[in-house]
Amino acid sequence: MFLENNAKRKTTMNKYLIFTLVIVMIIQASCNQPPPAKQKNHLPVYIKVEKAVRTDLSDSVVIFGEIRLRYDAYLASQFDGRLTGFSLLNGDEVKEGQKIGVVVPPMREALNQAMDDMNEEQRKLVADEIKEIPLYCPISGIVLEIAQNNGDVVQKGETIVHIADLSRLDIYGDLPLAYMPLVKQLKKVKVSFPDYPHSPLLLPVASFSGKVDAGKQTVNIRLGLNNPQREFRPGMLVQLSFPDKVHKNALVVPRRALLEEEGIYSVYVLKGNKVEKRNVTIGIKQDDFVEIVSGLKEGEEVATEKAYSLTDGMEVQVK
């Protein structure tokens, strides 16, 4: 019995010795490993910068308008009858005085069917008594809408086709009443086309409506738009703008340097070989420049390229 217990103790001690030896070897192996290599620094981001400078900056008032037709016509029949000889389609060009169809009155249609049984003299008499009514274009232009088709029975006064002259259009916009004296003085406004690739136009104001919208306190203005190439179409939205207040000696930076996140504006200012994110208060915003009211000093350089990919403290290199 004593020998068995002694054997068990030796076995247990051997296990502990082996376990301890393994732990020591692991620790030694970890201590002998070389230190991890330092991570290389990322290459700097290449950016462009421009200085904050002072200049006179004018504010702009922007309203929206719509292109509308100036001259159009709805051609209708003056008699009941069947439309024949009509083949116009949407987009077709027509000339003033062009014959585009014929309206055959019911009595004439009935007589036409009976003419085979008439002699030449009777046919001439019938033709003189009840005539077909030709349809002529009242204006030159383009077909906008077809209301009736060849062979349809039309009633007196029923529209057959809508024709419009696209060479001369109008622009209408709702001008806040407070700006009417200023626009009268300027006489012209800048017209831009947000959804159409065309350079802005400077157009004279043709007229002001004689009535004020009591609810919106606006007055309708009209601008003439010559359209000889038919580039523009009725229904297109336009943006009307004109200068308002002028801020003398305003501190400005390029518009592309300005960042906006949830209504908070900021710029990245160059500090040595790094950039610092700086919150700013802005004033007038134009297409190319923005006024900085606070948060930036004259002469400080701001990132004007890749601004949205920068982070505070990032290392950069100026191109």
C-alpha atoms as a PDB file:
ATOM      1  CA  MET A   1       0.000   0.000   0.000  1.00  0.00           C
ATOM      2  CA  PHE A   2       2.804   2.389   0.899  1.00  0.00           C
ATOM      3  CA  LEU A   3       4.638   1.598  -2.363  1.00  0.00           C
ATOM      4  CA  GLU A   4       1.470   2.348  -4.454  1.00  0.00           C
ATOM      5  CA  ASN A   5       0.984   5.786  -2.833  1.00  0.00           C
ATOM      6  CA  ASN A   6       4.645   6.622  -3.335  1.00  0.00           C
ATOM      7  CA  ALA A   7       4.399   5.718  -7.047  1.00  0.00           C
ATOM      8  CA  LYS A   8       1.332   7.914  -7.471  1.00  0.00           C
ATOM      9  CA  ARG A   9       3.123  10.855  -5.837  1.00  0.00           C
ATOM     10  CA  LYS A  10       6.087  10.484  -8.224  1.00  0.00           C
ATOM     11  CA  THR A  11       3.752  10.376 -11.243  1.00  0.00           C
ATOM     12  CA  THR A  12       1.926  13.551 -10.139  1.00  0.00           C
ATOM     13  CA  MET A  13       5.212  15.387  -9.510  1.00  0.00           C
ATOM     14  CA  ASN A  14       6.494  14.420 -12.941  1.00  0.00           C
ATOM     15  CA  LYS A  15       3.363  15.876 -14.543  1.00  0.00           C
ATOM     16  CA  TYR A  16       3.823  19.161 -12.699  1.00  0.00           C
ATOM     17  CA  LEU A  17       7.499  19.295 -13.708  1.00  0.00           C
ATOM     18  CA  ILE A  18       6.658  18.721 -17.372  1.00  0.00           C
ATOM     19  CA  PHE A  19       3.907  21.380 -17.294  1.00  0.00           C
ATOM     20  CA  THR A  20       6.238  23.909 -15.633  1.00  0.00           C
ATOM     21  CA  LEU A  21       8.959  23.195 -18.169  1.00  0.00           C
ATOM     22  CA  VAL A  22       6.550  23.813 -21.084  1.00  0.00           C
ATOM     23  CA  ILE A  23       5.472  27.187 -19.608  1.00  0.00           C
ATOM     24  CA  VAL A  24       9.105  28.258 -19.181  1.00  0.00           C
ATOM     25  CA  MET A  25       9.899  27.334 -22.797  1.00  0.00           C
ATOM     26  CA  ILE A  26       6.935  29.336 -24.095  1.00  0.00           C
ATOM     27  CA  ILE A  27       8.000  32.426 -22.104  1.00  0.00           C
ATOM     28  CA  GLN A  28      11.583  32.130 -23.345  1.00  0.00           C
ATOM     29  CA  ALA A  29      10.435  31.779 -26.946  1.00  0.00           C
ATOM     30  CA  SER A  30       8.266  34.862 -26.697  1.00  0.00           C
ATOM     31  CA  CYS A  31      11.090  36.884 -25.133  1.00  0.00           C
ATOM     32  CA  ASN A  32      13.509  35.884 -27.902  1.00  0.00           C
ATOM     33  CA  GLN A  33      11.145  37.092 -30.717  1.00  0.00           C
ATOM     34  CA  PRO A  34      12.221  40.338 -32.413  1.00  0.00           C
ATOM     35  CA  PRO A  35      10.042  43.417 -31.704  1.00  0.00           C
ATOM     36  CA  PRO A  36       7.243  44.079 -34.244  1.00  0.00           C
ATOM     37  CA  ALA A  37       8.238  46.289 -37.146  1.00  0.00           C
ATOM     38  CA  LYS A  38       7.006  49.834 -36.944  1.00  0.00           C
ATOM     39  CA  GLN A  39       4.231  50.622 -39.395  1.00  0.00           C
ATOM     40  CA  LYS A  40       5.249  52.925 -42.134  1.00  0.00           C
ATOM     41  CA  ASN A  41       3.571  56.330 -42.184  1.00  0.00           C
ATOM     42  CA  HIS A  42       0.970  56.857 -44.893  1.00  0.00           C
ATOM     43  CA  LEU A  43       2.040  59.013 -47.809  1.00  0.00           C
ATOM     44  CA  PRO A  44       0.783  62.605 -47.490  1.00  0.00           C
ATOM     45  CA  VAL A  45      -2.330  63.669 -49.390  1.00  0.00           C
ATOM     46  CA  TYR A  46      -1.658  66.161 -52.177  1.00  0.00           C
ATOM     47  CA  ILE A  47      -3.961  69.182 -52.027  1.00  0.00           C
ATOM     48  CA  LYS A  48      -4.348  72.677 -53.417  1.00  0.00           C
ATOM     49  CA  VAL A  49      -4.723  75.694 -51.155  1.00  0.00           C
ATOM     50  CA  GLU A  50      -5.755  79.323 -51.520  1.00  0.00           C
ATOM     51  CA  LYS A  51      -5.478  82.272 -49.157  1.00  0.00           C
ATOM     52  CA  ALA A  52      -8.419  83.963 -47.466  1.00  0.00           C
ATOM     53  CA  VAL A  53      -8.535  87.434 -49.002  1.00  0.00           C
ATOM     54  CA  ARG A  54     -10.630  90.570 -48.701  1.00  0.00           C
ATOM     55  CA  THR A  55     -12.814  91.953 -51.492  1.00  0.00           C
ATOM     56  CA  ASP A  56     -16.199  93.570 -52.083  1.00  0.00           C
ATOM     57  CA  LEU A  57     -18.863  90.869 -52.291  1.00  0.00           C
ATOM     58  CA  SER A  58     -22.454  91.349 -53.403  1.00  0.00           C
ATOM     59  CA  ASP A  59     -25.369  89.305 -52.184  1.00  0.00           C
ATOM     60  CA  SER A  60     -27.801  87.863 -54.724  1.00  0.00           C
ATOM     61  CA  VAL A  61     -31.556  87.436 -54.625  1.00  0.00           C
ATOM     62  CA  VAL A  62     -32.766  84.243 -56.325  1.00  0.00           C
ATOM     63  CA  ILE A  63     -36.320  83.434 -57.385  1.00  0.00           C
ATOM     64  CA  PHE A  64     -37.680  80.740 -59.673  1.00  0.00           C
ATOM     65  CA  GLY A  65     -39.737  81.085 -62.805  1.00  0.00           C
ATOM     66  CA  GLU A  66     -41.164  79.183 -65.749  1.00  0.00           C
ATOM     67  CA  ILE A  67     -40.971  79.422 -69.539  1.00  0.00           C
ATOM     68  CA  ARG A  68     -44.367  79.890 -71.167  1.00  0.00           C
ATOM     69  CA  LEU A  69     -45.786  80.331 -74.649  1.00  0.00           C
ATOM     70  CA  ARG A  70     -46.359  83.784 -76.053  1.00  0.00           C
ATOM     71  CA  TYR A  71     -48.185  82.883 -79.271  1.00  0.00           C
ATOM     72  CA  ASP A  72     -50.301  79.763 -79.710  1.00  0.00           C
ATOM     73  CA  ALA A  73     -53.582  78.786 -81.321  1.00  0.00           C
ATOM     74  CA  TYR A  74     -56.245  76.126 -80.920  1.00  0.00           C
ATOM     75  CA  LEU A  75     -57.681  75.308 -84.336  1.00  0.00           C
ATOM     76  CA  ALA A  76     -61.321  74.229 -84.173  1.00  0.00           C
ATOM     77  CA  SER A  77     -64.067  73.495 -86.681  1.00  0.00           C
ATOM     78  CA  GLN A  78     -66.817  76.073 -87.162  1.00  0.00           C
ATOM     79  CA  PHE A  79     -69.242  73.367 -88.289  1.00  0.00           C
ATOM     80  CA  ASP A  80     -70.258  69.845 -87.391  1.00  0.00           C
ATOM     81  CA  GLY A  81     -68.788  67.259 -89.721  1.00  0.00           C
ATOM     82  CA  ARG A  82     -66.223  64.573 -90.433  1.00  0.00           C
ATOM     83  CA  LEU A  83     -62.494  65.415 -90.438  1.00  0.00           C
ATOM     84  CA  THR A  84     -60.692  64.239 -93.590  1.00  0.00           C
ATOM     85  CA  GLY A  85     -57.326  64.893 -95.200  1.00  0.00           C
ATOM     86  CA  PHE A  86     -55.765  65.430 -91.782  1.00  0.00           C
ATOM     87  CA  SER A  87     -52.365  63.821 -91.155  1.00  0.00           C
ATOM     88  CA  LEU A  88     -50.493  66.047 -88.680  1.00  0.00           C
ATOM     89  CA  LEU A  89     -48.520  64.541 -85.771  1.00  0.00           C
ATOM     90  CA  ASN A  90     -47.069  66.022 -82.594  1.00  0.00           C
ATOM     91  CA  GLY A  91     -43.884  67.954 -83.387  1.00  0.00           C
ATOM     92  CA  ASP A  92     -44.751  68.652 -87.041  1.00  0.00           C
ATOM     93  CA  GLU A  93     -43.919  72.110 -88.361  1.00  0.00           C
ATOM     94  CA  VAL A  94     -46.685  74.098 -90.032  1.00  0.00           C
ATOM     95  CA  LYS A  95     -46.883  77.439 -91.823  1.00  0.00           C
ATOM     96  CA  GLU A  96     -49.488  80.157 -91.513  1.00  0.00           C
ATOM     97  CA  GLY A  97     -52.174  79.631 -94.174  1.00  0.00           C
ATOM     98  CA  GLN A  98     -51.207  75.985 -94.779  1.00  0.00           C
ATOM     99  CA  LYS A  99     -54.164  73.703 -95.522  1.00  0.00           C
ATOM    100  CA  ILE A 100     -54.105  70.870 -93.009  1.00  0.00           C
ATOM    101  CA  GLY A 101     -57.493  69.178 -93.484  1.00  0.00           C
ATOM    102  CA  VAL A 102     -61.134  69.356 -94.500  1.00  0.00           C
ATOM    103  CA  VAL A 103     -64.386  69.168 -92.547  1.00  0.00           C
ATOM    104  CA  VAL A 104     -67.189  67.466 -94.482  1.00  0.00           C
ATOM    105  CA  PRO A 105     -70.675  68.493 -93.188  1.00  0.00           C
ATOM    106  CA  PRO A 106     -73.182  65.655 -92.698  1.00  0.00           C
ATOM    107  CA  MET A 107     -75.366  66.759 -95.655  1.00  0.00           C
ATOM    108  CA  ARG A 108     -72.344  66.921 -97.962  1.00  0.00           C
ATOM    109  CA  GLU A 109     -71.211  63.490 -96.807  1.00  0.00           C
ATOM    110  CA  ALA A 110     -74.662  62.092 -97.616  1.00  0.00           C
ATOM    111  CA  LEU A 111     -74.683  63.770-101.032  1.00  0.00           C
ATOM    112  CA  ASN A 112     -71.213  62.455-101.805  1.00  0.00           C
ATOM    113  CA  GLN A 113     -72.531  58.950-101.347  1.00  0.00           C
ATOM    114  CA  ALA A 114     -75.405  59.662-103.799  1.00  0.00           C
ATOM    115  CA  MET A 115     -73.294  61.406-106.489  1.00  0.00           C
ATOM    116  CA  ASP A 116     -72.707  58.172-108.376  1.00  0.00           C
ATOM    117  CA  ASP A 117     -76.385  58.274-109.451  1.00  0.00           C
ATOM    118  CA  MET A 118     -76.217  61.946-110.555  1.00  0.00           C
ATOM    119  CA  ASN A 119     -75.317  63.406-113.886  1.00  0.00           C
ATOM    120  CA  GLU A 120     -72.544  66.011-114.299  1.00  0.00           C
ATOM    121  CA  GLU A 121     -74.890  68.993-114.031  1.00  0.00           C
ATOM    122  CA  GLN A 122     -76.501  67.677-110.857  1.00  0.00           C
ATOM    123  CA  ARG A 123     -73.101  67.028-109.297  1.00  0.00           C
ATOM    124  CA  LYS A 124     -71.970  70.603-110.014  1.00  0.00           C
ATOM    125  CA  LEU A 125     -75.151  71.970-108.491  1.00  0.00           C
ATOM    126  CA  VAL A 126     -74.727  69.886-105.327  1.00  0.00           C
ATOM    127  CA  ALA A 127     -71.089  70.883-105.011  1.00  0.00           C
ATOM    128  CA  ASP A 128     -72.027  74.580-105.173  1.00  0.00           C
ATOM    129  CA  GLU A 129     -74.855  74.246-102.649  1.00  0.00           C
ATOM    130  CA  ILE A 130     -73.138  72.316 -99.847  1.00  0.00           C
ATOM    131  CA  LYS A 131     -69.347  72.714 -99.752  1.00  0.00           C
ATOM    132  CA  GLU A 132     -66.612  71.042 -97.810  1.00  0.00           C
ATOM    133  CA  ILE A 133     -64.852  73.354 -95.304  1.00  0.00           C
ATOM    134  CA  PRO A 134     -61.045  73.506 -95.587  1.00  0.00           C
ATOM    135  CA  LEU A 135     -58.927  74.043 -92.440  1.00  0.00           C
ATOM    136  CA  TYR A 136     -55.973  76.462 -92.562  1.00  0.00           C
ATOM    137  CA  CYS A 137     -53.213  77.076 -89.986  1.00  0.00           C
ATOM    138  CA  PRO A 138     -53.753  80.418 -88.225  1.00  0.00           C
ATOM    139  CA  ILE A 139     -50.045  80.756 -87.282  1.00  0.00           C
ATOM    140  CA  SER A 140     -46.661  79.264 -88.164  1.00  0.00           C
ATOM    141  CA  GLY A 141     -45.243  76.958 -85.512  1.00  0.00           C
ATOM    142  CA  ILE A 142     -45.068  73.434 -84.180  1.00  0.00           C
ATOM    143  CA  VAL A 143     -47.887  71.032 -83.398  1.00  0.00           C
ATOM    144  CA  LEU A 144     -48.079  70.612 -79.611  1.00  0.00           C
ATOM    145  CA  GLU A 145     -51.157  68.409 -79.306  1.00  0.00           C
ATOM    146  CA  ILE A 146     -53.505  66.484 -81.576  1.00  0.00           C
ATOM    147  CA  ALA A 147     -57.067  66.409 -80.261  1.00  0.00           C
ATOM    148  CA  GLN A 148     -58.787  64.769 -83.264  1.00  0.00           C
ATOM    149  CA  ASN A 149     -57.674  62.259 -85.876  1.00  0.00           C
ATOM    150  CA  ASN A 150     -58.465  61.773 -89.533  1.00  0.00           C
ATOM    151  CA  GLY A 151     -61.969  60.330 -89.963  1.00  0.00           C
ATOM    152  CA  ASP A 152     -63.264  61.541 -86.576  1.00  0.00           C
ATOM    153  CA  VAL A 153     -66.628  63.298 -86.359  1.00  0.00           C
ATOM    154  CA  VAL A 154     -66.120  66.752 -84.846  1.00  0.00           C
ATOM    155  CA  GLN A 155     -68.609  69.179 -83.407  1.00  0.00           C
ATOM    156  CA  LYS A 156     -68.738  72.908 -83.919  1.00  0.00           C
ATOM    157  CA  GLY A 157     -66.127  74.613 -81.704  1.00  0.00           C
ATOM    158  CA  GLU A 158     -64.350  71.366 -80.803  1.00  0.00           C
ATOM    159  CA  THR A 159     -60.533  71.684 -80.819  1.00  0.00           C
ATOM    160  CA  ILE A 160     -58.717  69.727 -83.495  1.00  0.00           C
ATOM    161  CA  VAL A 161     -55.077  70.724 -83.018  1.00  0.00           C
ATOM    162  CA  HIS A 162     -52.959  72.974 -80.739  1.00  0.00           C
ATOM    163  CA  ILE A 163     -50.200  74.896 -82.539  1.00  0.00           C
ATOM    164  CA  ALA A 164     -47.543  77.116 -80.934  1.00  0.00           C
ATOM    165  CA  ASP A 165     -44.872  79.527 -82.117  1.00  0.00           C
ATOM    166  CA  LEU A 166     -41.680  78.511 -80.227  1.00  0.00           C
ATOM    167  CA  SER A 167     -39.454  81.192 -81.748  1.00  0.00           C
ATOM    168  CA  ARG A 168     -40.605  83.746 -79.154  1.00  0.00           C
ATOM    169  CA  LEU A 169     -41.331  82.709 -75.598  1.00  0.00           C
ATOM    170  CA  ASP A 170     -41.820  84.401 -72.244  1.00  0.00           C
ATOM    171  CA  ILE A 171     -40.409  83.826 -68.770  1.00  0.00           C
ATOM    172  CA  TYR A 172     -42.634  84.462 -65.749  1.00  0.00           C
ATOM    173  CA  GLY A 173     -41.552  84.676 -62.120  1.00  0.00           C
ATOM    174  CA  ASP A 174     -43.018  85.750 -58.777  1.00  0.00           C
ATOM    175  CA  LEU A 175     -40.944  88.665 -57.455  1.00  0.00           C
ATOM    176  CA  PRO A 176     -41.231  89.571 -53.746  1.00  0.00           C
ATOM    177  CA  LEU A 177     -42.807  93.012 -53.592  1.00  0.00           C
ATOM    178  CA  ALA A 178     -39.920  94.444 -51.520  1.00  0.00           C
ATOM    179  CA  TYR A 179     -37.526  93.941 -54.474  1.00  0.00           C
ATOM    180  CA  MET A 180     -39.683  95.543 -57.171  1.00  0.00           C
ATOM    181  CA  PRO A 181     -38.022  99.020 -56.892  1.00  0.00           C
ATOM    182  CA  LEU A 182     -34.554  97.434 -57.134  1.00  0.00           C
ATOM    183  CA  VAL A 183     -35.427  95.328 -60.198  1.00  0.00           C
ATOM    184  CA  LYS A 184     -37.020  98.352 -61.871  1.00  0.00           C
ATOM    185  CA  GLN A 185     -33.759 100.196 -61.338  1.00  0.00           C
ATOM    186  CA  LEU A 186     -31.588  97.300 -62.585  1.00  0.00           C
ATOM    187  CA  LYS A 187     -33.896  96.662 -65.582  1.00  0.00           C
ATOM    188  CA  LYS A 188     -32.236  93.277 -66.234  1.00  0.00           C
ATOM    189  CA  VAL A 189     -31.958  89.965 -64.363  1.00  0.00           C
ATOM    190  CA  LYS A 190     -29.765  86.913 -64.790  1.00  0.00           C
ATOM    191  CA  VAL A 191     -31.576  83.820 -66.075  1.00  0.00           C
ATOM    192  CA  SER A 192     -30.116  80.348 -65.432  1.00  0.00           C
ATOM    193  CA  PHE A 193     -31.416  76.925 -66.451  1.00  0.00           C
ATOM    194  CA  PRO A 194     -30.955  74.407 -63.583  1.00  0.00           C
ATOM    195  CA  ASP A 195     -32.076  71.347 -65.556  1.00  0.00           C
ATOM    196  CA  TYR A 196     -30.749  72.295 -68.973  1.00  0.00           C
ATOM    197  CA  PRO A 197     -27.104  72.681 -70.109  1.00  0.00           C
ATOM    198  CA  HIS A 198     -27.161  76.276 -71.306  1.00  0.00           C
ATOM    199  CA  SER A 199     -25.086  79.249 -70.170  1.00  0.00           C
ATOM    200  CA  PRO A 200     -26.938  81.956 -68.171  1.00  0.00           C
ATOM    201  CA  LEU A 201     -28.577  84.856 -70.009  1.00  0.00           C
ATOM    202  CA  LEU A 202     -28.944  88.502 -68.962  1.00  0.00           C
ATOM    203  CA  LEU A 203     -32.456  89.493 -70.046  1.00  0.00           C
ATOM    204  CA  PRO A 204     -34.426  92.739 -69.713  1.00  0.00           C
ATOM    205  CA  VAL A 205     -37.615  92.789 -67.666  1.00  0.00           C
ATOM    206  CA  ALA A 206     -40.474  93.326 -70.121  1.00  0.00           C
ATOM    207  CA  SER A 207     -43.245  94.079 -67.620  1.00  0.00           C
ATOM    208  CA  PHE A 208     -44.567  93.911 -64.075  1.00  0.00           C
ATOM    209  CA  SER A 209     -48.097  92.676 -63.496  1.00  0.00           C
ATOM    210  CA  GLY A 210     -50.600  95.254 -62.312  1.00  0.00           C
ATOM    211  CA  LYS A 211     -51.845  93.023 -59.490  1.00  0.00           C
ATOM    212  CA  VAL A 212     -50.107  91.868 -56.313  1.00  0.00           C
ATOM    213  CA  ASP A 213     -50.618  88.368 -54.922  1.00  0.00           C
ATOM    214  CA  ALA A 214     -52.157  89.234 -51.562  1.00  0.00           C
ATOM    215  CA  GLY A 215     -51.209  85.913 -49.963  1.00  0.00           C
ATOM    216  CA  LYS A 216     -47.557  85.754 -51.054  1.00  0.00           C
ATOM    217  CA  GLN A 217     -46.993  89.518 -51.437  1.00  0.00           C
ATOM    218  CA  THR A 218     -45.360  88.990 -54.803  1.00  0.00           C
ATOM    219  CA  VAL A 219     -45.728  90.626 -58.188  1.00  0.00           C
ATOM    220  CA  ASN A 220     -45.499  88.701 -61.452  1.00  0.00           C
ATOM    221  CA  ILE A 221     -42.674  89.770 -63.789  1.00  0.00           C
ATOM    222  CA  ARG A 222     -42.289  88.860 -67.460  1.00  0.00           C
ATOM    223  CA  LEU A 223     -39.121  88.580 -69.534  1.00  0.00           C
ATOM    224  CA  GLY A 224     -39.018  88.064 -73.290  1.00  0.00           C
ATOM    225  CA  LEU A 225     -36.999  85.068 -74.514  1.00  0.00           C
ATOM    226  CA  ASN A 226     -36.040  84.921 -78.196  1.00  0.00           C
ATOM    227  CA  ASN A 227     -35.767  81.287 -79.238  1.00  0.00           C
ATOM    228  CA  PRO A 228     -34.872  81.157 -82.953  1.00  0.00           C
ATOM    229  CA  GLN A 229     -33.092  77.792 -82.615  1.00  0.00           C
ATOM    230  CA  ARG A 230     -35.957  76.411 -80.510  1.00  0.00           C
ATOM    231  CA  GLU A 231     -33.573  75.394 -77.738  1.00  0.00           C
ATOM    232  CA  PHE A 232     -36.123  76.150 -75.030  1.00  0.00           C
ATOM    233  CA  ARG A 233     -39.580  74.732 -74.435  1.00  0.00           C
ATOM    234  CA  PRO A 234     -42.621  75.878 -72.461  1.00  0.00           C
ATOM    235  CA  GLY A 235     -42.725  74.381 -68.977  1.00  0.00           C
ATOM    236  CA  MET A 236     -38.958  74.544 -68.386  1.00  0.00           C
ATOM    237  CA  LEU A 237     -37.992  75.890 -64.949  1.00  0.00           C
ATOM    238  CA  VAL A 238     -35.562  78.799 -64.726  1.00  0.00           C
ATOM    239  CA  GLN A 239     -33.695  80.589 -61.953  1.00  0.00           C
ATOM    240  CA  LEU A 240     -33.835  84.390 -61.860  1.00  0.00           C
ATOM    241  CA  SER A 241     -31.176  86.263 -59.878  1.00  0.00           C
ATOM    242  CA  PHE A 242     -30.020  89.844 -59.370  1.00  0.00           C
ATOM    243  CA  PRO A 243     -27.532  91.580 -57.038  1.00  0.00           C
ATOM    244  CA  ASP A 244     -28.722  93.003 -53.724  1.00  0.00           C
ATOM    245  CA  LYS A 245     -26.515  94.217 -50.849  1.00  0.00           C
ATOM    246  CA  VAL A 246     -22.754  94.749 -51.207  1.00  0.00           C
ATOM    247  CA  HIS A 247     -20.449  93.805 -48.304  1.00  0.00           C
ATOM    248  CA  LYS A 248     -17.348  96.003 -48.519  1.00  0.00           C
ATOM    249  CA  ASN A 249     -13.935  94.483 -47.743  1.00  0.00           C
ATOM    250  CA  ALA A 250     -15.429  91.070 -46.935  1.00  0.00           C
ATOM    251  CA  LEU A 251     -13.146  88.134 -46.047  1.00  0.00           C
ATOM    252  CA  VAL A 252     -13.740  85.431 -48.657  1.00  0.00           C
ATOM    253  CA  VAL A 253     -12.537  81.954 -49.613  1.00  0.00           C
ATOM    254  CA  PRO A 254     -13.358  79.836 -52.683  1.00  0.00           C
ATOM    255  CA  ARG A 255     -16.735  78.146 -52.415  1.00  0.00           C
ATOM    256  CA  ARG A 256     -15.154  74.713 -52.998  1.00  0.00           C
ATOM    257  CA  ALA A 257     -13.192  75.083 -49.728  1.00  0.00           C
ATOM    258  CA  LEU A 258     -16.400  75.229 -47.656  1.00  0.00           C
ATOM    259  CA  LEU A 259     -17.746  72.078 -45.991  1.00  0.00           C
ATOM    260  CA  GLU A 260     -21.209  71.670 -44.530  1.00  0.00           C
ATOM    261  CA  GLU A 261     -22.307  68.967 -42.086  1.00  0.00           C
ATOM    262  CA  GLU A 262     -25.780  69.213 -40.562  1.00  0.00           C
ATOM    263  CA  GLY A 263     -25.824  72.981 -40.867  1.00  0.00           C
ATOM    264  CA  ILE A 264     -22.302  73.478 -39.453  1.00  0.00           C
ATOM    265  CA  TYR A 265     -19.755  75.035 -41.822  1.00  0.00           C
ATOM    266  CA  SER A 266     -16.010  74.396 -41.712  1.00  0.00           C
ATOM    267  CA  VAL A 267     -12.776  74.664 -43.688  1.00  0.00           C
ATOM    268  CA  TYR A 268      -9.405  72.913 -43.487  1.00  0.00           C
ATOM    269  CA  VAL A 269      -6.615  75.376 -42.664  1.00  0.00           C
ATOM    270  CA  LEU A 270      -3.027  74.560 -43.625  1.00  0.00           C
ATOM    271  CA  LYS A 271      -0.695  74.407 -40.581  1.00  0.00           C
ATOM    272  CA  GLY A 272       2.822  73.430 -41.619  1.00  0.00           C
ATOM    273  CA  ASN A 273       2.530  70.043 -43.267  1.00  0.00           C
ATOM    274  CA  LYS A 274      -0.865  69.247 -41.706  1.00  0.00           C
ATOM    275  CA  VAL A 275      -4.419  70.532 -41.902  1.00  0.00           C
ATOM    276  CA  GLU A 276      -6.608  71.771 -39.070  1.00  0.00           C
ATOM    277  CA  LYS A 277     -10.373  71.548 -39.282  1.00  0.00           C
ATOM    278  CA  ARG A 278     -11.849  74.928 -38.369  1.00  0.00           C
ATOM    279  CA  ASN A 279     -15.544  75.757 -37.853  1.00  0.00           C
ATOM    280  CA  VAL A 280     -16.524  79.065 -39.450  1.00  0.00           C
ATOM    281  CA  THR A 281     -19.485  81.423 -39.630  1.00  0.00           C
ATOM    282  CA  ILE A 282     -20.446  82.405 -43.154  1.00  0.00           C
ATOM    283  CA  GLY A 283     -22.186  85.387 -44.728  1.00  0.00           C
ATOM    284  CA  ILE A 284     -22.862  85.832 -48.425  1.00  0.00           C
ATOM    285  CA  LYS A 285     -22.634  82.718 -50.599  1.00  0.00           C
ATOM    286  CA  GLN A 286     -21.974  83.022 -54.309  1.00  0.00           C
ATOM    287  CA  ASP A 287     -21.266  80.424 -56.977  1.00  0.00           C
ATOM    288  CA  ASP A 288     -17.496  80.942 -56.707  1.00  0.00           C
ATOM    289  CA  PHE A 289     -16.865  82.582 -53.308  1.00  0.00           C
ATOM    290  CA  VAL A 290     -18.254  82.592 -49.786  1.00  0.00           C
ATOM    291  CA  GLU A 291     -17.901  85.257 -47.112  1.00  0.00           C
ATOM    292  CA  ILE A 292     -16.290  84.180 -43.810  1.00  0.00           C
ATOM    293  CA  VAL A 293     -17.669  86.232 -40.906  1.00  0.00           C
ATOM    294  CA  SER A 294     -15.668  84.509 -38.154  1.00  0.00           C
ATOM    295  CA  GLY A 295     -13.301  81.561 -37.580  1.00  0.00           C
ATOM    296  CA  LEU A 296     -10.643  82.506 -40.122  1.00  0.00           C
ATOM    297  CA  LYS A 297      -8.033  85.253 -40.559  1.00  0.00           C
ATOM    298  CA  GLU A 298      -6.928  87.081 -43.663  1.00  0.00           C
ATOM    299  CA  GLY A 299      -3.978  85.355 -45.304  1.00  0.00           C
ATOM    300  CA  GLU A 300      -4.607  81.901 -43.830  1.00  0.00           C
ATOM    301  CA  GLU A 301      -4.538  79.162 -46.440  1.00  0.00           C
ATOM    302  CA  VAL A 302      -7.443  76.742 -46.847  1.00  0.00           C
ATOM    303  CA  ALA A 303      -7.688  73.474 -48.742  1.00  0.00           C
ATOM    304  CA  THR A 304      -9.570  73.900 -52.008  1.00  0.00           C
ATOM    305  CA  GLU A 305      -9.193  70.335 -53.257  1.00  0.00           C
ATOM    306  CA  LYS A 306     -10.173  66.969 -51.710  1.00  0.00           C
ATOM    307  CA  ALA A 307     -11.635  68.846 -48.727  1.00  0.00           C
ATOM    308  CA  TYR A 308     -14.210  66.144 -47.984  1.00  0.00           C
ATOM    309  CA  SER A 309     -11.506  63.440 -47.844  1.00  0.00           C
ATOM    310  CA  LEU A 310      -9.393  65.248 -45.225  1.00  0.00           C
ATOM    311  CA  THR A 311      -9.401  64.739 -41.448  1.00  0.00           C
ATOM    312  CA  ASP A 312      -8.252  66.982 -38.646  1.00  0.00           C
ATOM    313  CA  GLY A 313      -4.449  66.723 -38.222  1.00  0.00           C
ATOM    314  CA  MET A 314      -3.878  64.822 -41.450  1.00  0.00           C
ATOM    315  CA  GLU A 315      -0.483  65.203 -43.074  1.00  0.00           C
ATOM    316  CA  VAL A 316      -0.693  66.854 -46.479  1.00  0.00           C
ATOM    317  CA  GLN A 317       1.528  68.163 -49.220  1.00  0.00           C
ATOM    318  CA  VAL A 318       0.682  71.236 -51.269  1.00  0.00           C
ATOM    319  CA  LYS A 319       0.835  70.827 -55.042  1.00  0.00           C
END
